Amino acid sequence: MIRFENVTKRYDGAREALKGVSFEINPGELAFLTGRSGAGKSTVLKLVALIEHPTRGTVTVDGRNLGKLPKRGIPAHRQQIGMVFQDNKLLGDRSAYENVALPLIINGTGEREIGRRVRAALDQVGLLDRERHPPRTLSAGEQQRLGIARAIVSRPKVLIADEPTGNLDPDLALEVMTLFKRLNEVGTTMLIASHDLHLIERLGGRRIVLAGGELAAGGAEP
């Protein structure tokens, strides 16, 4: 489902964020990216979502070589990728329902289908009774779950998350990670960047370890 082959990423005027990284994540797999700050975790996720492009090497997602994908194909690719961020990136002037509906509105989904899918996503994360509430009235854990609902409402094949529990206390972090585990069990391929090794050990799943932009463990040569 996700394949990195000798991927190097150098940012302008900066050191190499990734150096010849190779690994493969199978369809339906749950994998965690770990490593110290600056190890390259966020860069891996940005390459998967085509927010960035590799300097060298090949990134393949769902059988597509992203380096050969034309610009007009990028929006369709991103529709297949659910993205969860540490800071949620929720719209404060919109209700929970409207935040989750936004990707479907952008994609031109019909109003009736939007209503059905948004409420199904909110129900999956336990927030159906909060659909009219603005994000500021929700707890930190509820806000993160709302971000997850927005990420899954388009029914993506792949979900990526960048330190999704970094701002949460241990109980809320476990709640959010357990939700990811539950979503993975119904077939969603997941790649989650996290520094919380204790929580990762509780949940299981493969660890892909980065150190200084290089693969340190967890990824056989594809």
C-alpha atoms as a PDB file:
ATOM      1  CA  MET A   1       0.000   0.000   0.000  1.00  0.00           C
ATOM      2  CA  ILE A   2       2.864   2.399   0.893  1.00  0.00           C
ATOM      3  CA  ARG A   3       6.330   1.778  -0.508  1.00  0.00           C
ATOM      4  CA  PHE A   4       9.498   3.864  -0.117  1.00  0.00           C
ATOM      5  CA  GLU A   5      12.467   2.891  -2.283  1.00  0.00           C
ATOM      6  CA  ASN A   6      15.783   4.575  -1.466  1.00  0.00           C
ATOM      7  CA  VAL A   7      14.024   7.872  -0.707  1.00  0.00           C
ATOM      8  CA  THR A   8      16.122  10.939   0.017  1.00  0.00           C
ATOM      9  CA  LYS A   9      14.641  14.358   0.791  1.00  0.00           C
ATOM     10  CA  ARG A  10      16.727  17.512   0.956  1.00  0.00           C
ATOM     11  CA  TYR A  11      15.044  20.818   1.728  1.00  0.00           C
ATOM     12  CA  ASP A  12      16.426  23.977   0.127  1.00  0.00           C
ATOM     13  CA  GLY A  13      19.490  25.163   1.997  1.00  0.00           C
ATOM     14  CA  ALA A  14      19.085  22.453   4.637  1.00  0.00           C
ATOM     15  CA  ARG A  15      20.512  19.066   5.501  1.00  0.00           C
ATOM     16  CA  GLU A  16      18.949  15.902   4.181  1.00  0.00           C
ATOM     17  CA  ALA A  17      15.760  15.167   6.122  1.00  0.00           C
ATOM     18  CA  LEU A  18      15.714  11.599   4.760  1.00  0.00           C
ATOM     19  CA  LYS A  19      18.663   9.575   3.467  1.00  0.00           C
ATOM     20  CA  GLY A  20      17.989   6.537   1.296  1.00  0.00           C
ATOM     21  CA  VAL A  21      14.983   5.292   3.270  1.00  0.00           C
ATOM     22  CA  SER A  22      13.266   2.075   2.115  1.00  0.00           C
ATOM     23  CA  PHE A  23      10.269   0.322   3.678  1.00  0.00           C
ATOM     24  CA  GLU A  24       6.900  -1.116   2.728  1.00  0.00           C
ATOM     25  CA  ILE A  25       3.542  -1.056   4.523  1.00  0.00           C
ATOM     26  CA  ASN A  26       1.007  -3.661   3.431  1.00  0.00           C
ATOM     27  CA  PRO A  27      -2.701  -2.977   2.826  1.00  0.00           C
ATOM     28  CA  GLY A  28      -4.588  -2.935   6.121  1.00  0.00           C
ATOM     29  CA  GLU A  29      -1.424  -2.701   8.215  1.00  0.00           C
ATOM     30  CA  LEU A  30      -0.990  -0.473  11.271  1.00  0.00           C
ATOM     31  CA  ALA A  31       2.525   0.975  11.465  1.00  0.00           C
ATOM     32  CA  PHE A  32       4.096   3.548  13.755  1.00  0.00           C
ATOM     33  CA  LEU A  33       6.882   5.956  12.797  1.00  0.00           C
ATOM     34  CA  THR A  34       9.114   6.619  15.779  1.00  0.00           C
ATOM     35  CA  GLY A  35      12.333   8.509  16.404  1.00  0.00           C
ATOM     36  CA  ARG A  36      13.553  11.690  18.033  1.00  0.00           C
ATOM     37  CA  SER A  37      12.433  15.138  16.957  1.00  0.00           C
ATOM     38  CA  GLY A  38      14.029  15.912  13.611  1.00  0.00           C
ATOM     39  CA  ALA A  39      14.442  12.241  12.686  1.00  0.00           C
ATOM     40  CA  GLY A  40      12.321  12.652   9.549  1.00  0.00           C
ATOM     41  CA  LYS A  41       8.907  11.387  10.666  1.00  0.00           C
ATOM     42  CA  SER A  42       6.900  14.379   9.455  1.00  0.00           C
ATOM     43  CA  THR A  43       8.782  14.374   6.148  1.00  0.00           C
ATOM     44  CA  VAL A  44       7.713  10.766   5.508  1.00  0.00           C
ATOM     45  CA  LEU A  45       4.066  11.698   6.054  1.00  0.00           C
ATOM     46  CA  LYS A  46       4.331  14.762   3.804  1.00  0.00           C
ATOM     47  CA  LEU A  47       5.752  12.609   1.023  1.00  0.00           C
ATOM     48  CA  VAL A  48       2.871  10.144   1.344  1.00  0.00           C
ATOM     49  CA  ALA A  49       0.356  12.998   1.087  1.00  0.00           C
ATOM     50  CA  LEU A  50       2.277  14.689  -1.758  1.00  0.00           C
ATOM     51  CA  ILE A  51       2.740  17.823   0.321  1.00  0.00           C
ATOM     52  CA  GLU A  52       6.431  17.333  -0.499  1.00  0.00           C
ATOM     53  CA  HIS A  53       8.289  15.477  -3.248  1.00  0.00           C
ATOM     54  CA  PRO A  54      11.409  13.332  -2.794  1.00  0.00           C
ATOM     55  CA  THR A  55      14.768  14.614  -3.996  1.00  0.00           C
ATOM     56  CA  ARG A  56      15.671  11.082  -5.032  1.00  0.00           C
ATOM     57  CA  GLY A  57      13.988   7.693  -4.860  1.00  0.00           C
ATOM     58  CA  THR A  58      10.438   6.468  -5.373  1.00  0.00           C
ATOM     59  CA  VAL A  59       7.295   6.761  -3.232  1.00  0.00           C
ATOM     60  CA  THR A  60       4.419   4.491  -4.252  1.00  0.00           C
ATOM     61  CA  VAL A  61       0.940   4.598  -2.674  1.00  0.00           C
ATOM     62  CA  ASP A  62      -1.790   2.137  -3.667  1.00  0.00           C
ATOM     63  CA  GLY A  63       0.206   1.114  -6.737  1.00  0.00           C
ATOM     64  CA  ARG A  64       0.767   4.679  -7.970  1.00  0.00           C
ATOM     65  CA  ASN A  65       4.293   6.063  -8.384  1.00  0.00           C
ATOM     66  CA  LEU A  66       3.749   9.535  -6.926  1.00  0.00           C
ATOM     67  CA  GLY A  67       6.697  10.925  -8.854  1.00  0.00           C
ATOM     68  CA  LYS A  68       4.838  10.249 -12.101  1.00  0.00           C
ATOM     69  CA  LEU A  69       1.510  11.603 -10.944  1.00  0.00           C
ATOM     70  CA  PRO A  70       0.545  14.766 -12.898  1.00  0.00           C
ATOM     71  CA  LYS A  71      -0.434  17.889 -10.973  1.00  0.00           C
ATOM     72  CA  ARG A  72      -4.070  17.420 -11.937  1.00  0.00           C
ATOM     73  CA  GLY A  73      -3.983  14.030 -10.207  1.00  0.00           C
ATOM     74  CA  ILE A  74      -2.840  15.359  -6.820  1.00  0.00           C
ATOM     75  CA  PRO A  75      -6.332  16.316  -5.507  1.00  0.00           C
ATOM     76  CA  ALA A  76      -7.677  12.836  -6.312  1.00  0.00           C
ATOM     77  CA  HIS A  77      -4.673  11.265  -4.575  1.00  0.00           C
ATOM     78  CA  ARG A  78      -5.222  13.333  -1.444  1.00  0.00           C
ATOM     79  CA  GLN A  79      -8.869  12.300  -1.363  1.00  0.00           C
ATOM     80  CA  GLN A  80      -7.592   8.783  -0.687  1.00  0.00           C
ATOM     81  CA  ILE A  81      -5.399   9.962   2.201  1.00  0.00           C
ATOM     82  CA  GLY A  82      -6.932  10.882   5.559  1.00  0.00           C
ATOM     83  CA  MET A  83      -4.692  13.254   7.524  1.00  0.00           C
ATOM     84  CA  VAL A  84      -4.746  13.896  11.276  1.00  0.00           C
ATOM     85  CA  PHE A  85      -2.595  16.605  12.823  1.00  0.00           C
ATOM     86  CA  GLN A  86      -1.465  17.319  16.371  1.00  0.00           C
ATOM     87  CA  ASP A  87      -3.085  20.769  16.335  1.00  0.00           C
ATOM     88  CA  ASN A  88      -6.329  19.556  14.683  1.00  0.00           C
ATOM     89  CA  LYS A  89      -6.554  22.490  12.225  1.00  0.00           C
ATOM     90  CA  LEU A  90     -10.260  22.799  12.980  1.00  0.00           C
ATOM     91  CA  LEU A  91     -12.277  25.822  11.845  1.00  0.00           C
ATOM     92  CA  GLY A  92     -13.363  27.696  14.958  1.00  0.00           C
ATOM     93  CA  ASP A  93     -16.275  29.489  13.280  1.00  0.00           C
ATOM     94  CA  ARG A  94     -17.876  26.239  12.059  1.00  0.00           C
ATOM     95  CA  SER A  95     -19.795  23.568  13.944  1.00  0.00           C
ATOM     96  CA  ALA A  96     -18.456  20.059  14.430  1.00  0.00           C
ATOM     97  CA  TYR A  97     -20.764  18.916  11.617  1.00  0.00           C
ATOM     98  CA  GLU A  98     -19.503  21.625   9.256  1.00  0.00           C
ATOM     99  CA  ASN A  99     -15.855  20.830  10.032  1.00  0.00           C
ATOM    100  CA  VAL A 100     -16.342  17.180   9.145  1.00  0.00           C
ATOM    101  CA  ALA A 101     -18.437  17.995   6.061  1.00  0.00           C
ATOM    102  CA  LEU A 102     -15.805  20.284   4.532  1.00  0.00           C
ATOM    103  CA  PRO A 103     -13.833  17.623   2.576  1.00  0.00           C
ATOM    104  CA  LEU A 104     -17.065  16.288   1.080  1.00  0.00           C
ATOM    105  CA  ILE A 105     -18.236  19.771   0.113  1.00  0.00           C
ATOM    106  CA  ILE A 106     -14.900  20.404  -1.618  1.00  0.00           C
ATOM    107  CA  ASN A 107     -15.268  17.092  -3.475  1.00  0.00           C
ATOM    108  CA  GLY A 108     -18.753  18.035  -4.699  1.00  0.00           C
ATOM    109  CA  THR A 109     -20.620  15.343  -2.769  1.00  0.00           C
ATOM    110  CA  GLY A 110     -24.403  15.692  -2.764  1.00  0.00           C
ATOM    111  CA  GLU A 111     -26.105  17.222   0.279  1.00  0.00           C
ATOM    112  CA  ARG A 112     -28.012  14.085   1.284  1.00  0.00           C
ATOM    113  CA  GLU A 113     -24.895  11.931   1.038  1.00  0.00           C
ATOM    114  CA  ILE A 114     -22.930  14.519   3.042  1.00  0.00           C
ATOM    115  CA  GLY A 115     -25.450  14.323   5.865  1.00  0.00           C
ATOM    116  CA  ARG A 116     -25.353  10.540   5.935  1.00  0.00           C
ATOM    117  CA  ARG A 117     -21.569  10.249   5.857  1.00  0.00           C
ATOM    118  CA  VAL A 118     -20.841  13.083   8.296  1.00  0.00           C
ATOM    119  CA  ARG A 119     -23.173  11.649  10.915  1.00  0.00           C
ATOM    120  CA  ALA A 120     -21.720   8.177  10.398  1.00  0.00           C
ATOM    121  CA  ALA A 121     -18.184   9.564  10.936  1.00  0.00           C
ATOM    122  CA  LEU A 122     -19.238  11.507  14.030  1.00  0.00           C
ATOM    123  CA  ASP A 123     -20.912   8.386  15.381  1.00  0.00           C
ATOM    124  CA  GLN A 124     -17.723   6.362  14.845  1.00  0.00           C
ATOM    125  CA  VAL A 125     -15.761   8.758  17.060  1.00  0.00           C
ATOM    126  CA  GLY A 126     -18.522   9.174  19.649  1.00  0.00           C
ATOM    127  CA  LEU A 127     -19.441  12.768  18.828  1.00  0.00           C
ATOM    128  CA  LEU A 128     -22.824  12.452  17.149  1.00  0.00           C
ATOM    129  CA  ASP A 129     -24.474  14.355  19.993  1.00  0.00           C
ATOM    130  CA  ARG A 130     -21.989  17.226  19.518  1.00  0.00           C
ATOM    131  CA  GLU A 131     -22.609  17.862  15.832  1.00  0.00           C
ATOM    132  CA  ARG A 132     -23.877  21.445  16.324  1.00  0.00           C
ATOM    133  CA  HIS A 133     -21.165  22.416  18.809  1.00  0.00           C
ATOM    134  CA  PRO A 134     -18.240  24.619  17.704  1.00  0.00           C
ATOM    135  CA  PRO A 135     -14.776  23.147  18.408  1.00  0.00           C
ATOM    136  CA  ARG A 136     -14.033  25.616  21.220  1.00  0.00           C
ATOM    137  CA  THR A 137     -16.789  24.020  23.334  1.00  0.00           C
ATOM    138  CA  LEU A 138     -15.221  20.555  23.024  1.00  0.00           C
ATOM    139  CA  SER A 139     -12.530  19.058  25.237  1.00  0.00           C
ATOM    140  CA  ALA A 140      -9.034  18.443  23.882  1.00  0.00           C
ATOM    141  CA  GLY A 141      -9.811  14.763  23.380  1.00  0.00           C
ATOM    142  CA  GLU A 142     -13.099  15.554  21.642  1.00  0.00           C
ATOM    143  CA  GLN A 143     -11.349  18.017  19.336  1.00  0.00           C
ATOM    144  CA  GLN A 144      -8.821  15.367  18.337  1.00  0.00           C
ATOM    145  CA  ARG A 145     -11.615  12.864  17.719  1.00  0.00           C
ATOM    146  CA  LEU A 146     -13.355  15.494  15.586  1.00  0.00           C
ATOM    147  CA  GLY A 147     -10.183  15.814  13.531  1.00  0.00           C
ATOM    148  CA  ILE A 148     -10.206  12.044  13.055  1.00  0.00           C
ATOM    149  CA  ALA A 149     -13.849  12.132  11.941  1.00  0.00           C
ATOM    150  CA  ARG A 150     -12.957  14.721   9.307  1.00  0.00           C
ATOM    151  CA  ALA A 151     -10.047  12.536   8.164  1.00  0.00           C
ATOM    152  CA  ILE A 152     -12.187   9.413   7.701  1.00  0.00           C
ATOM    153  CA  VAL A 153     -15.386  10.943   6.298  1.00  0.00           C
ATOM    154  CA  SER A 154     -14.090  10.546   2.725  1.00  0.00           C
ATOM    155  CA  ARG A 155     -13.455   6.841   3.430  1.00  0.00           C
ATOM    156  CA  PRO A 156      -9.731   7.001   2.642  1.00  0.00           C
ATOM    157  CA  LYS A 157      -7.696   3.903   1.930  1.00  0.00           C
ATOM    158  CA  VAL A 158      -4.801   5.293   3.955  1.00  0.00           C
ATOM    159  CA  LEU A 159      -4.808   7.342   7.153  1.00  0.00           C
ATOM    160  CA  ILE A 160      -1.685   9.200   8.299  1.00  0.00           C
ATOM    161  CA  ALA A 161      -1.318  10.994  11.613  1.00  0.00           C
ATOM    162  CA  ASP A 162       1.449  13.277  12.861  1.00  0.00           C
ATOM    163  CA  GLU A 163       1.869  13.080  16.663  1.00  0.00           C
ATOM    164  CA  PRO A 164      -1.925  12.920  17.136  1.00  0.00           C
ATOM    165  CA  THR A 165      -1.661  12.485  20.919  1.00  0.00           C
ATOM    166  CA  GLY A 166       1.160  14.946  21.563  1.00  0.00           C
ATOM    167  CA  ASN A 167      -1.074  17.497  23.309  1.00  0.00           C
ATOM    168  CA  LEU A 168      -3.175  15.001  25.273  1.00  0.00           C
ATOM    169  CA  ASP A 169      -2.867  13.560  28.759  1.00  0.00           C
ATOM    170  CA  PRO A 170      -2.232   9.790  29.010  1.00  0.00           C
ATOM    171  CA  ASP A 171      -5.881   8.789  29.374  1.00  0.00           C
ATOM    172  CA  LEU A 172      -6.996  10.860  26.375  1.00  0.00           C
ATOM    173  CA  ALA A 173      -3.989   9.662  24.370  1.00  0.00           C
ATOM    174  CA  LEU A 174      -5.000   6.052  24.971  1.00  0.00           C
ATOM    175  CA  GLU A 175      -8.584   6.870  23.988  1.00  0.00           C
ATOM    176  CA  VAL A 176      -7.471   8.389  20.674  1.00  0.00           C
ATOM    177  CA  MET A 177      -4.991   5.606  19.872  1.00  0.00           C
ATOM    178  CA  THR A 178      -7.618   2.972  20.673  1.00  0.00           C
ATOM    179  CA  LEU A 179      -9.886   4.679  18.158  1.00  0.00           C
ATOM    180  CA  PHE A 180      -7.137   4.414  15.524  1.00  0.00           C
ATOM    181  CA  LYS A 181      -6.779   0.720  16.359  1.00  0.00           C
ATOM    182  CA  ARG A 182     -10.504   0.205  15.910  1.00  0.00           C
ATOM    183  CA  LEU A 183     -10.475   1.964  12.533  1.00  0.00           C
ATOM    184  CA  ASN A 184      -7.513  -0.144  11.434  1.00  0.00           C
ATOM    185  CA  GLU A 185      -9.398  -3.317  12.316  1.00  0.00           C
ATOM    186  CA  VAL A 186     -12.001  -2.515   9.647  1.00  0.00           C
ATOM    187  CA  GLY A 187      -9.313  -2.319   6.956  1.00  0.00           C
ATOM    188  CA  THR A 188      -7.824   1.175   6.895  1.00  0.00           C
ATOM    189  CA  THR A 189      -4.059   1.240   6.320  1.00  0.00           C
ATOM    190  CA  MET A 190      -2.446   3.491   8.941  1.00  0.00           C
ATOM    191  CA  LEU A 191       0.894   5.199   9.391  1.00  0.00           C
ATOM    192  CA  ILE A 192       1.140   7.118  12.662  1.00  0.00           C
ATOM    193  CA  ALA A 193       4.100   9.224  13.777  1.00  0.00           C
ATOM    194  CA  SER A 194       4.430   9.112  17.559  1.00  0.00           C
ATOM    195  CA  HIS A 195       7.066   9.442  20.257  1.00  0.00           C
ATOM    196  CA  ASP A 196       4.924   7.644  22.867  1.00  0.00           C
ATOM    197  CA  LEU A 197       6.652   4.245  22.903  1.00  0.00           C
ATOM    198  CA  HIS A 198       4.713   3.011  25.943  1.00  0.00           C
ATOM    199  CA  LEU A 199       1.399   3.617  24.192  1.00  0.00           C
ATOM    200  CA  ILE A 200       2.643   2.018  20.973  1.00  0.00           C
ATOM    201  CA  GLU A 201       3.671  -1.105  22.885  1.00  0.00           C
ATOM    202  CA  ARG A 202       0.184  -1.348  24.400  1.00  0.00           C
ATOM    203  CA  LEU A 203      -1.485  -1.188  21.001  1.00  0.00           C
ATOM    204  CA  GLY A 204       0.839  -3.434  19.033  1.00  0.00           C
ATOM    205  CA  GLY A 205       1.596  -2.760  15.391  1.00  0.00           C
ATOM    206  CA  ARG A 206       4.893  -2.477  13.592  1.00  0.00           C
ATOM    207  CA  ARG A 207       7.465   0.165  14.465  1.00  0.00           C
ATOM    208  CA  ILE A 208       9.472   1.917  11.760  1.00  0.00           C
ATOM    209  CA  VAL A 209      12.315   3.698  13.527  1.00  0.00           C
ATOM    210  CA  LEU A 210      14.090   6.717  12.042  1.00  0.00           C
ATOM    211  CA  ALA A 211      17.317   8.244  13.323  1.00  0.00           C
ATOM    212  CA  GLY A 212      18.906  11.277  11.720  1.00  0.00           C
ATOM    213  CA  GLY A 213      16.887  10.789   8.555  1.00  0.00           C
ATOM    214  CA  GLU A 214      17.911   7.147   8.139  1.00  0.00           C
ATOM    215  CA  LEU A 215      16.007   3.937   8.732  1.00  0.00           C
ATOM    216  CA  ALA A 216      17.210   2.437  12.006  1.00  0.00           C
ATOM    217  CA  ALA A 217      14.761  -0.474  12.331  1.00  0.00           C
ATOM    218  CA  GLY A 218      11.435  -1.848  11.146  1.00  0.00           C
ATOM    219  CA  GLY A 219      11.757  -1.750   7.377  1.00  0.00           C
ATOM    220  CA  ALA A 220      13.122  -4.515   5.207  1.00  0.00           C
ATOM    221  CA  GLU A 221      14.444  -3.654   1.791  1.00  0.00           C
ATOM    222  CA  PRO A 222      11.446  -3.616  -0.595  1.00  0.00           C
END
